[in-house]
């Protein structure tokens, strides 16, 4: 029999049915007694192709002049109403969109870093689907991978076997970066991760109604739950997976996500992004072994009416504010003292599939481009700096890719690999990013540079049926 873990077991048994009762003796962890002794990486994907030149506009030098000429109706001003928020240590001058004020505060506190000219190396695709897929697979130029890059991180990390929740994909579908992972839980709302939730189909809910019409586990089902630990007391892969599954689901079910009180006075926005970040924070604080989490924020495909901060119509700015307020609340929530200082062990990377064209289009919007920005946030981030300036090609016509787009001068894997090695202590770059070599940290993350291992590749991790070797 091949490998069999908790996710396989969830599919076999029907995940929701198992959440109806608690496994006797299951560990109920609601708050960690001390800050996690391991690091957690949160990957925020801005779906739709975020316009990096509006989120991080030039504020000085020649690039500012080129930018104003290319975008006469979409220019983020440098003074007066709706002015860009200047970024220190940014060469000739770069800033943040004015509605990213919460992120600007973190930049000034040296907790947020910005990377210019980031993205995938050629060959280039301007298709959302292809660009997202290849970036989340970690295989630029190829969509043939069977696994996501975070999946390959998990399988190559030699994590302890008893981790309850190693990975979380926040949303209704699993992020492609965690595709084929048998360790990841996909959850859009913590309160829906149970049989008595209105999110469950009626046929499944009715199966567990009691005689009074309440959606509960009937006595017979509770009895089954009680005997399962005895049935699965052996050492087989199936029995171990069953025990881990019951442990995970039994711990999550009684957690009251709706009543969670963020730490340090943090106030999350009440949109989906804010609620999912809050859910991740609660799970991280519950000390369940969370190593990676993926979360999306959409709404960046601004072909028409992108808006500007100097007018009352600013849909791009609305999305920027959601990103900024959500991430700032998440950081504040985790930024406790002593045992509650989770920020020192949590790193956030913000990325998008591509940027937008340098020039605005005829519909007061921007079309699919190439190079973009990335961001890194955390207590162990060397923030307060703009990275990639030494290789950034600039915004002159002759410096643009195909005369249209920001040139990619920093491979996105360069940022991710630094986080993998310095924060997650996993140097197996050849397995996580097949074909990628030449580890060259930018200095964004604090930590130790382990010797990178370029051996292996995807086939060295996965064989038939995604069986780890």
Protein backbone atom coordinates (compact mmCIF):
# COMPACT_ATOMS: atom_id res chain seq x y z
CA UNK A 1 0.00 0.00 0.00
CA UNK A 2 1.32 3.48 -0.88
CA UNK A 3 1.49 6.41 1.44
CA UNK A 4 -1.77 7.35 3.13
CA UNK A 5 -2.22 10.40 5.29
CA UNK A 6 -4.86 12.59 6.85
CA UNK A 7 -6.01 14.17 3.61
CA UNK A 8 -6.51 10.78 1.95
CA UNK A 9 -8.46 9.71 5.00
CA UNK A 10 -10.62 12.83 4.87
CA UNK A 11 -11.57 12.02 1.30
CA UNK A 12 -12.32 8.40 2.14
CA UNK A 13 -14.49 8.97 5.18
CA UNK A 14 -16.13 12.31 4.39
CA UNK A 15 -14.41 15.08 6.26
CA UNK A 16 -17.47 16.69 7.77
CA UNK A 17 -18.81 13.54 9.37
CA UNK A 18 -15.78 13.26 11.58
CA UNK A 19 -16.19 16.70 13.06
CA UNK A 20 -19.40 15.87 14.87
CA UNK A 21 -17.74 14.49 17.99
CA UNK A 22 -14.54 14.90 19.90
CA UNK A 23 -11.97 12.17 20.03
CA UNK A 24 -11.45 11.20 23.66
CA UNK A 25 -8.22 12.66 24.86
CA UNK A 26 -7.75 14.93 21.84
CA UNK A 27 -5.54 17.91 22.55
CA UNK A 28 -7.62 21.09 22.59
CA UNK A 29 -5.24 23.94 21.98
CA UNK A 30 -6.74 27.41 22.06
CA UNK A 31 -3.64 29.45 22.89
CA UNK A 32 0.00 28.44 22.82
CA UNK A 33 1.76 28.57 26.18
CA UNK A 34 4.70 30.16 24.42
CA UNK A 35 5.53 31.57 21.01
CA UNK A 36 5.90 28.87 18.39
CA UNK A 37 9.39 27.42 18.25
CA UNK A 38 9.13 27.13 14.46
CA UNK A 39 8.63 29.61 11.66
CA UNK A 40 5.48 30.11 9.62
CA UNK A 41 5.37 31.50 6.08
CA UNK A 42 2.21 33.23 4.85
CA UNK A 43 1.95 33.70 1.07
CA UNK A 44 -0.51 36.37 -0.07
CA UNK A 45 -1.37 36.12 -3.76
CA UNK A 46 -2.87 39.20 -5.42
CA UNK A 47 -4.97 37.59 -8.14
CA UNK A 48 -5.71 39.48 -11.30
CA UNK A 49 -2.33 41.09 -11.91
CA UNK A 50 -1.81 43.92 -9.43
CA UNK A 51 -0.65 47.21 -10.95
CA UNK A 52 2.66 47.52 -9.15
CA UNK A 53 3.26 50.98 -10.60
CA UNK A 54 0.20 52.28 -8.77
CA UNK A 55 0.77 50.35 -5.56
CA UNK A 56 4.47 51.35 -5.55
CA UNK A 57 4.75 54.40 -7.86
CA UNK A 58 7.97 56.26 -8.65
CA UNK A 59 8.21 59.58 -6.83
CA UNK A 60 11.43 61.05 -8.19
CA UNK A 61 14.15 60.93 -10.81
CA UNK A 62 13.77 60.15 -14.48
CA UNK A 63 11.39 57.27 -13.80
CA UNK A 64 8.89 59.71 -12.36
CA UNK A 65 8.92 61.76 -15.57
CA UNK A 66 8.44 58.65 -17.74
CA UNK A 67 5.62 57.48 -15.47
CA UNK A 68 3.72 60.79 -15.66
CA UNK A 69 3.93 60.81 -19.46
CA UNK A 70 2.72 57.20 -19.74
CA UNK A 71 -0.16 57.64 -17.29
CA UNK A 72 -1.60 61.14 -17.53
CA UNK A 73 -4.97 60.08 -16.08
CA UNK A 74 -3.76 57.48 -13.58
CA UNK A 75 -0.82 59.28 -12.00
CA UNK A 76 -0.48 58.98 -8.24
CA UNK A 77 0.63 62.51 -7.24
CA UNK A 78 3.65 63.28 -5.10
CA UNK A 79 2.12 66.23 -3.28
CA UNK A 80 -1.26 67.53 -2.20
CA UNK A 81 -4.43 65.48 -2.09
CA UNK A 82 -3.88 61.74 -2.56
CA UNK A 83 -0.09 62.00 -2.61
CA UNK A 84 2.10 58.92 -2.58
CA UNK A 85 3.62 57.97 0.76
CA UNK A 86 7.38 58.29 0.34
CA UNK A 87 9.62 55.31 1.00
CA UNK A 88 12.98 56.03 2.59
CA UNK A 89 15.99 54.11 1.26
CA UNK A 90 14.45 53.85 -2.20
CA UNK A 91 17.14 55.35 -4.38
CA UNK A 92 15.91 58.24 -6.50
CA UNK A 93 12.46 57.88 -4.99
CA UNK A 94 9.56 55.45 -4.72
CA UNK A 95 6.41 55.53 -2.63
CA UNK A 96 3.31 53.62 -1.61
CA UNK A 97 -0.23 54.29 -2.76
CA UNK A 98 -1.80 56.77 -0.29
CA UNK A 99 -4.41 54.23 0.78
CA UNK A 100 -1.66 51.87 1.93
CA UNK A 101 -1.02 54.03 4.97
CA UNK A 102 -1.11 51.08 7.38
CA UNK A 103 1.60 49.31 5.37
CA UNK A 104 3.55 52.56 5.19
CA UNK A 105 3.67 52.63 8.98
CA UNK A 106 5.14 49.13 9.00
CA UNK A 107 7.70 50.18 6.40
CA UNK A 108 8.73 53.09 8.59
CA UNK A 109 9.03 50.67 11.51
CA UNK A 110 11.43 48.56 9.41
CA UNK A 111 9.05 45.61 9.24
CA UNK A 112 8.02 45.88 5.57
CA UNK A 113 10.32 45.49 2.56
CA UNK A 114 9.52 46.17 -1.11
CA UNK A 115 11.16 44.48 -4.12
CA UNK A 116 11.10 46.18 -7.53
CA UNK A 117 11.13 44.46 -10.92
CA UNK A 118 10.06 41.08 -9.53
CA UNK A 119 8.41 38.32 -11.50
CA UNK A 120 8.96 35.30 -13.69
CA UNK A 121 11.84 35.09 -16.14
CA UNK A 122 11.00 34.71 -19.86
CA UNK A 123 9.27 33.06 -21.66
CA UNK A 124 6.44 35.41 -20.84
CA UNK A 125 2.73 34.75 -20.69
CA UNK A 126 0.10 37.41 -20.16
CA UNK A 127 -2.60 34.85 -19.44
CA UNK A 128 -3.86 34.99 -15.85
CA UNK A 129 -4.35 31.24 -15.69
CA UNK A 130 -0.96 30.29 -17.12
CA UNK A 131 0.96 32.92 -15.17
CA UNK A 132 -0.69 32.03 -11.86
CA UNK A 133 -0.21 28.33 -12.47
CA UNK A 134 3.47 28.48 -13.38
CA UNK A 135 4.26 30.90 -10.57
CA UNK A 136 2.42 28.85 -7.95
CA UNK A 137 3.96 25.66 -9.26
CA UNK A 138 7.35 27.37 -9.05
CA UNK A 139 8.21 26.23 -12.57
CA UNK A 140 8.44 29.29 -14.87
CA UNK A 141 7.94 28.38 -18.50
CA UNK A 142 6.19 25.10 -17.70
CA UNK A 143 2.66 24.23 -16.62
CA UNK A 144 3.36 20.51 -16.51
CA UNK A 145 4.14 20.19 -12.82
CA UNK A 146 1.99 17.90 -10.70
CA UNK A 147 2.75 19.73 -7.47
CA UNK A 148 2.87 23.26 -6.08
CA UNK A 149 6.05 24.78 -4.69
CA UNK A 150 4.68 24.87 -1.14
CA UNK A 151 3.74 21.21 -1.49
CA UNK A 152 7.34 20.42 -2.43
CA UNK A 153 8.54 22.48 0.52
CA UNK A 154 6.41 20.37 2.85
CA UNK A 155 7.52 17.05 1.41
CA UNK A 156 11.20 18.00 1.55
CA UNK A 157 11.21 19.65 4.98
CA UNK A 158 11.43 16.56 7.21
CA UNK A 159 8.73 17.95 9.50
CA UNK A 160 7.76 16.08 12.68
CA UNK A 161 5.15 13.41 12.04
CA UNK A 162 2.77 14.57 14.76
CA UNK A 163 1.99 18.06 13.42
CA UNK A 164 -1.76 18.65 13.49
CA UNK A 165 -2.04 21.26 10.72
CA UNK A 166 1.17 21.80 8.74
CA UNK A 167 -0.47 23.81 5.94
CA UNK A 168 -3.61 25.84 5.38
CA UNK A 169 -5.14 27.18 2.19
CA UNK A 170 -7.54 29.95 3.17
CA UNK A 171 -10.39 29.94 0.70
CA UNK A 172 -12.97 27.76 -0.98
CA UNK A 173 -10.44 25.97 -3.20
CA UNK A 174 -6.89 24.84 -2.59
CA UNK A 175 -4.22 27.26 -3.80
CA UNK A 176 -2.15 25.90 -6.68
CA UNK A 177 0.99 26.40 -4.59
CA UNK A 178 -0.38 23.60 -2.37
CA UNK A 179 -1.72 21.44 -5.18
CA UNK A 180 -1.33 17.69 -4.54
CA UNK A 181 -0.49 18.30 -0.89
CA UNK A 182 -1.85 15.67 1.44
CA UNK A 183 -0.93 17.83 4.42
CA UNK A 184 -2.92 20.97 3.60
CA UNK A 185 -6.37 21.80 4.92
CA UNK A 186 -8.52 24.07 2.75
CA UNK A 187 -10.82 26.24 4.80
CA UNK A 188 -12.56 29.47 3.86
CA UNK A 189 -14.27 29.96 7.21
CA UNK A 190 -13.36 28.19 10.42
CA UNK A 191 -16.98 28.01 11.52
CA UNK A 192 -17.86 26.04 8.37
CA UNK A 193 -15.37 23.31 9.20
CA UNK A 194 -17.97 21.18 10.99
CA UNK A 195 -21.04 19.10 10.31
CA UNK A 196 -23.50 21.50 11.95
CA UNK A 197 -22.60 24.39 9.65
CA UNK A 198 -25.05 25.83 7.16
CA UNK A 199 -22.30 25.46 4.58
CA UNK A 200 -22.88 21.73 4.46
CA UNK A 201 -25.25 20.26 1.84
CA UNK A 202 -28.67 19.44 3.26
CA UNK A 203 -28.38 15.74 2.51
CA UNK A 204 -25.24 15.55 4.65
CA UNK A 205 -26.76 17.65 7.43
CA UNK A 206 -30.01 15.69 7.52
CA UNK A 207 -28.08 12.49 7.99
CA UNK A 208 -27.07 13.71 11.44
CA UNK A 209 -30.34 15.25 12.64
CA UNK A 210 -31.65 13.92 15.93
CA UNK A 211 -35.31 13.22 16.71
CA UNK A 212 -35.89 16.87 17.63
CA UNK A 213 -34.55 18.12 14.30
CA UNK A 214 -31.26 19.39 15.69
CA UNK A 215 -28.17 18.86 13.56
CA UNK A 216 -26.09 16.74 15.92
CA UNK A 217 -24.30 13.47 15.94
CA UNK A 218 -26.85 10.90 17.11
CA UNK A 219 -25.87 8.57 19.90
CA UNK A 220 -24.90 5.86 17.46
CA UNK A 221 -22.48 8.12 15.68
CA UNK A 222 -20.97 9.38 18.91
CA UNK A 223 -20.52 5.77 19.92
CA UNK A 224 -18.68 5.07 16.71
CA UNK A 225 -16.36 8.01 17.38
CA UNK A 226 -15.62 6.68 20.83
CA UNK A 227 -14.54 3.25 19.62
CA UNK A 228 -12.53 4.42 16.62
CA UNK A 229 -9.34 5.12 18.62
CA UNK A 230 -9.40 1.49 19.77
CA UNK A 231 -9.98 0.24 16.24
CA UNK A 232 -7.07 2.35 15.00
CA UNK A 233 -4.60 1.69 17.77
CA UNK A 234 -2.07 0.03 15.50
CA UNK A 235 0.91 1.37 13.61
CA UNK A 236 -0.26 1.10 10.02
CA UNK A 237 -0.31 4.16 7.79
CA UNK A 238 -4.11 4.08 7.72
CA UNK A 239 -4.38 3.90 11.49
CA UNK A 240 -1.87 6.71 12.01
CA UNK A 241 -3.66 8.86 9.44
CA UNK A 242 -6.98 8.23 11.15
CA UNK A 243 -5.62 9.29 14.52
CA UNK A 244 -4.11 12.45 13.06
CA UNK A 245 -7.32 13.25 11.21
CA UNK A 246 -9.46 12.94 14.31
CA UNK A 247 -6.98 15.00 16.28
CA UNK A 248 -7.03 17.83 13.73
CA UNK A 249 -10.77 17.91 13.24
CA UNK A 250 -11.55 17.51 16.92
CA UNK A 251 -9.32 20.45 17.77
CA UNK A 252 -10.73 22.76 15.11
CA UNK A 253 -14.39 22.01 15.71
CA UNK A 254 -14.74 23.57 19.19
CA UNK A 255 -12.68 26.64 18.31
CA UNK A 256 -15.06 29.60 18.21
CA UNK A 257 -13.79 31.59 15.25
CA UNK A 258 -16.61 34.08 15.51
CA UNK A 259 -15.68 35.00 19.08
CA UNK A 260 -11.94 35.29 18.50
CA UNK A 261 -10.49 38.42 20.12
CA UNK A 262 -7.42 39.68 18.23
CA UNK A 263 -4.44 40.65 20.31
CA UNK A 264 -2.99 44.08 20.94
CA UNK A 265 -6.13 45.92 19.88
CA UNK A 266 -5.83 44.77 16.27
CA UNK A 267 -8.87 45.59 14.13
CA UNK A 268 -9.31 43.51 11.00
CA UNK A 269 -11.37 44.76 8.07
CA UNK A 270 -14.68 42.91 7.91
CA UNK A 271 -14.22 41.74 4.32
CA UNK A 272 -13.32 38.21 3.28
CA UNK A 273 -9.60 38.92 3.24
CA UNK A 274 -9.62 40.33 6.76
CA UNK A 275 -11.73 37.47 8.10
CA UNK A 276 -9.44 34.85 6.58
CA UNK A 277 -6.33 36.54 7.93
CA UNK A 278 -7.98 36.55 11.35
CA UNK A 279 -8.69 32.83 10.98
CA UNK A 280 -5.05 32.16 10.10
CA UNK A 281 -3.93 34.15 13.15
CA UNK A 282 -6.16 32.13 15.45
CA UNK A 283 -4.91 28.82 14.05
CA UNK A 284 -1.30 30.01 14.24
CA UNK A 285 -1.74 30.99 17.87
CA UNK A 286 -3.35 27.63 18.68
CA UNK A 287 0.08 26.01 18.31
CA UNK A 288 -1.08 23.38 15.82
CA UNK A 289 2.22 23.30 13.95
CA UNK A 290 1.23 25.58 11.08
CA UNK A 291 4.24 26.00 8.79
CA UNK A 292 2.71 27.56 5.68
CA UNK A 293 -0.54 29.26 4.71
CA UNK A 294 -1.76 30.56 1.37
CA UNK A 295 -4.37 33.29 1.04
CA UNK A 296 -5.70 35.25 -1.94
CA UNK A 297 -6.89 38.78 -2.48
CA UNK A 298 -8.58 39.33 -5.84
CA UNK A 299 -9.89 42.38 -7.66
CA UNK A 300 -6.68 43.55 -9.34
CA UNK A 301 -7.63 43.07 -13.03
CA UNK A 302 -8.16 46.78 -13.70
CA UNK A 303 -8.64 47.09 -17.48
CA UNK A 304 -11.35 49.71 -17.09
CA UNK A 305 -11.82 52.63 -14.73
CA UNK A 306 -8.91 51.83 -12.47
CA UNK A 307 -9.40 55.07 -10.57
CA UNK A 308 -7.04 57.48 -8.88
CA UNK A 309 -6.68 58.56 -5.23
CA UNK A 310 -7.44 62.19 -6.11
CA UNK A 311 -11.06 61.44 -7.06
CA UNK A 312 -14.05 59.88 -5.38
CA UNK A 313 -13.85 56.93 -7.76
CA UNK A 314 -10.95 54.73 -6.76
CA UNK A 315 -11.68 50.97 -7.04
CA UNK A 316 -7.97 50.17 -7.16
CA UNK A 317 -7.48 52.17 -3.98
CA UNK A 318 -10.31 50.26 -2.30
CA UNK A 319 -8.46 47.00 -2.91
CA UNK A 320 -5.18 48.53 -1.79
CA UNK A 321 -6.80 49.61 1.47
CA UNK A 322 -8.16 46.11 2.06
CA UNK A 323 -4.67 44.67 1.57
CA UNK A 324 -3.02 47.30 3.75
CA UNK A 325 -5.48 47.21 6.64
CA UNK A 326 -5.68 43.42 6.60
CA UNK A 327 -1.93 42.84 6.73
CA UNK A 328 -1.39 45.57 9.33
CA UNK A 329 -4.08 44.04 11.57
CA UNK A 330 -2.54 40.59 11.14
CA UNK A 331 0.89 41.90 12.12
CA UNK A 332 -0.50 43.81 15.10
CA UNK A 333 -2.46 40.77 16.25
CA UNK A 334 0.71 38.66 16.31
CA UNK A 335 3.00 41.35 17.70
CA UNK A 336 2.77 40.55 21.38
CA UNK A 337 5.45 40.62 24.04
CA UNK A 338 7.47 37.71 25.32
CA UNK A 339 5.64 34.42 24.80
CA UNK A 340 3.04 36.14 22.63
CA UNK A 341 5.57 37.53 20.14
CA UNK A 342 4.58 35.58 17.04
CA UNK A 343 5.81 38.18 14.57
CA UNK A 344 9.43 37.14 15.05
CA UNK A 345 8.48 33.67 13.78
CA UNK A 346 6.06 34.68 11.05
CA UNK A 347 6.96 35.99 7.60
CA UNK A 348 4.52 37.23 4.96
CA UNK A 349 5.29 37.42 1.24
CA UNK A 350 2.99 39.34 -1.12
CA UNK A 351 3.10 38.52 -4.83
CA UNK A 352 1.02 38.67 -8.02
CA UNK A 353 1.15 36.77 -11.32
CA UNK A 354 2.34 39.81 -13.30
CA UNK A 355 2.16 43.59 -13.33
CA UNK A 356 0.42 45.94 -15.75
CA UNK A 357 1.53 47.79 -18.85
CA UNK A 358 3.54 50.95 -18.33
CA UNK A 359 1.09 53.01 -20.40
CA UNK A 360 -2.56 53.43 -19.49
CA UNK A 361 -5.10 52.17 -22.03
CA UNK A 362 -8.01 54.02 -23.64
CA UNK A 363 -10.43 52.96 -20.91
CA UNK A 364 -8.62 54.63 -18.01
CA UNK A 365 -7.21 51.30 -17.01
CA UNK A 366 -4.10 49.17 -17.47
CA UNK A 367 -3.62 45.96 -19.42
CA UNK A 368 -1.67 42.80 -18.60
CA UNK A 369 2.04 43.41 -18.25
CA UNK A 370 5.14 41.64 -17.02
CA UNK A 371 7.39 42.86 -14.21
CA UNK A 372 5.90 43.79 -10.84
CA UNK A 373 6.74 44.34 -7.21
CA UNK A 374 6.82 41.94 -4.26
CA UNK A 375 6.59 42.68 -0.55
CA UNK A 376 7.83 40.97 2.58
CA UNK A 377 6.51 41.66 6.07
CA UNK A 378 7.48 40.30 9.46
CA UNK A 379 9.43 40.71 12.65
CA UNK A 380 12.44 39.00 11.06
CA UNK A 381 12.30 41.05 7.84
CA UNK A 382 14.95 43.68 7.23
CA UNK A 383 12.34 46.24 6.30
CA UNK A 384 12.37 49.94 5.64
CA UNK A 385 14.16 49.33 2.34
CA UNK A 386 13.37 48.92 -1.34
CA UNK A 387 15.27 45.96 -2.79
CA UNK A 388 16.27 45.24 -6.37
CA UNK A 389 17.24 48.82 -7.10
CA UNK A 390 20.73 47.83 -8.20
CA UNK A 391 19.38 45.78 -11.12
CA UNK A 392 16.08 47.54 -11.82
CA UNK A 393 15.97 48.43 -15.53
CA UNK A 394 13.95 51.63 -15.13
CA UNK A 395 10.92 52.98 -16.99
CA UNK A 396 12.46 54.55 -20.10
CA UNK A 397 10.99 53.19 -23.34
CA UNK A 398 14.19 51.40 -24.25
CA UNK A 399 14.32 49.75 -20.81
CA UNK A 400 10.81 48.29 -20.99
CA UNK A 401 10.22 44.69 -21.95
CA UNK A 402 9.05 44.63 -25.58
CA UNK A 403 8.73 48.40 -25.26
CA UNK A 404 5.62 47.99 -23.09
CA UNK A 405 6.22 46.46 -19.68
CA UNK A 406 8.37 46.74 -16.60
CA UNK A 407 11.33 44.42 -17.08
CA UNK A 408 11.71 41.52 -14.65
CA UNK A 409 15.13 41.92 -13.07
CA UNK A 410 14.57 39.90 -9.86
CA UNK A 411 13.35 36.34 -10.24
CA UNK A 412 10.47 35.79 -7.80
CA UNK A 413 12.14 32.54 -6.71
CA UNK A 414 15.08 34.56 -5.43
CA UNK A 415 12.82 36.09 -2.79
CA UNK A 416 11.02 32.84 -2.00
CA UNK A 417 14.23 30.81 -1.74
CA UNK A 418 15.68 33.29 0.74
CA UNK A 419 12.60 32.86 2.94
CA UNK A 420 12.84 29.08 2.60
CA UNK A 421 16.47 28.94 3.67
CA UNK A 422 16.75 31.74 6.20
CA UNK A 423 13.33 31.44 7.87
CA UNK A 424 12.16 27.85 7.26
CA UNK A 425 15.64 26.28 7.28
CA UNK A 426 14.96 24.27 4.13
CA UNK A 427 17.83 24.49 1.60
CA UNK A 428 16.48 21.87 -0.85
CA UNK A 429 16.00 24.35 -3.66
CA UNK A 430 16.50 21.77 -6.40
CA UNK A 431 13.42 19.93 -5.21
CA UNK A 432 11.27 22.93 -4.44
CA UNK A 433 12.17 24.90 -7.58
CA UNK A 434 13.36 22.35 -10.18
CA UNK A 435 15.97 23.85 -12.49
CA UNK A 436 16.59 26.90 -10.31
CA UNK A 437 20.15 27.55 -9.19
CA UNK A 438 22.45 30.28 -8.02
CA UNK A 439 21.07 31.12 -4.58
CA UNK A 440 21.74 34.84 -4.07
CA UNK A 441 19.91 36.31 -1.07
CA UNK A 442 18.93 39.95 -1.28
CA UNK A 443 19.15 40.33 2.49
CA UNK A 444 15.41 40.72 3.01
CA UNK A 445 15.13 38.06 5.71
CA UNK A 446 17.17 37.56 8.84
CA UNK A 447 18.57 34.10 9.43
CA UNK A 448 21.31 31.65 8.51
CA UNK A 449 22.31 30.86 4.95
CA UNK A 450 22.43 27.07 4.80
CA UNK A 451 24.28 25.61 1.79
CA UNK A 452 21.67 25.33 -0.97
CA UNK A 453 20.94 21.83 -2.27
CA UNK A 454 20.24 21.90 -6.00
CA UNK A 455 19.90 18.15 -6.36
CA UNK A 456 16.78 16.08 -6.87
CA UNK A 457 13.98 17.83 -8.64
CA UNK A 458 10.30 17.07 -8.58
CA UNK A 459 10.78 13.43 -9.55
CA UNK A 460 13.02 12.96 -6.53
CA UNK A 461 10.11 13.78 -4.24
CA UNK A 462 7.12 12.29 -5.96
CA UNK A 463 6.67 8.96 -7.63
CA UNK A 464 3.52 7.09 -8.48
CA UNK A 465 0.54 8.45 -6.57
CA UNK A 466 2.51 11.38 -5.10
CA UNK A 467 4.33 9.08 -2.73
CA UNK A 468 7.13 10.87 -0.88
CA UNK A 469 10.46 9.08 -1.14
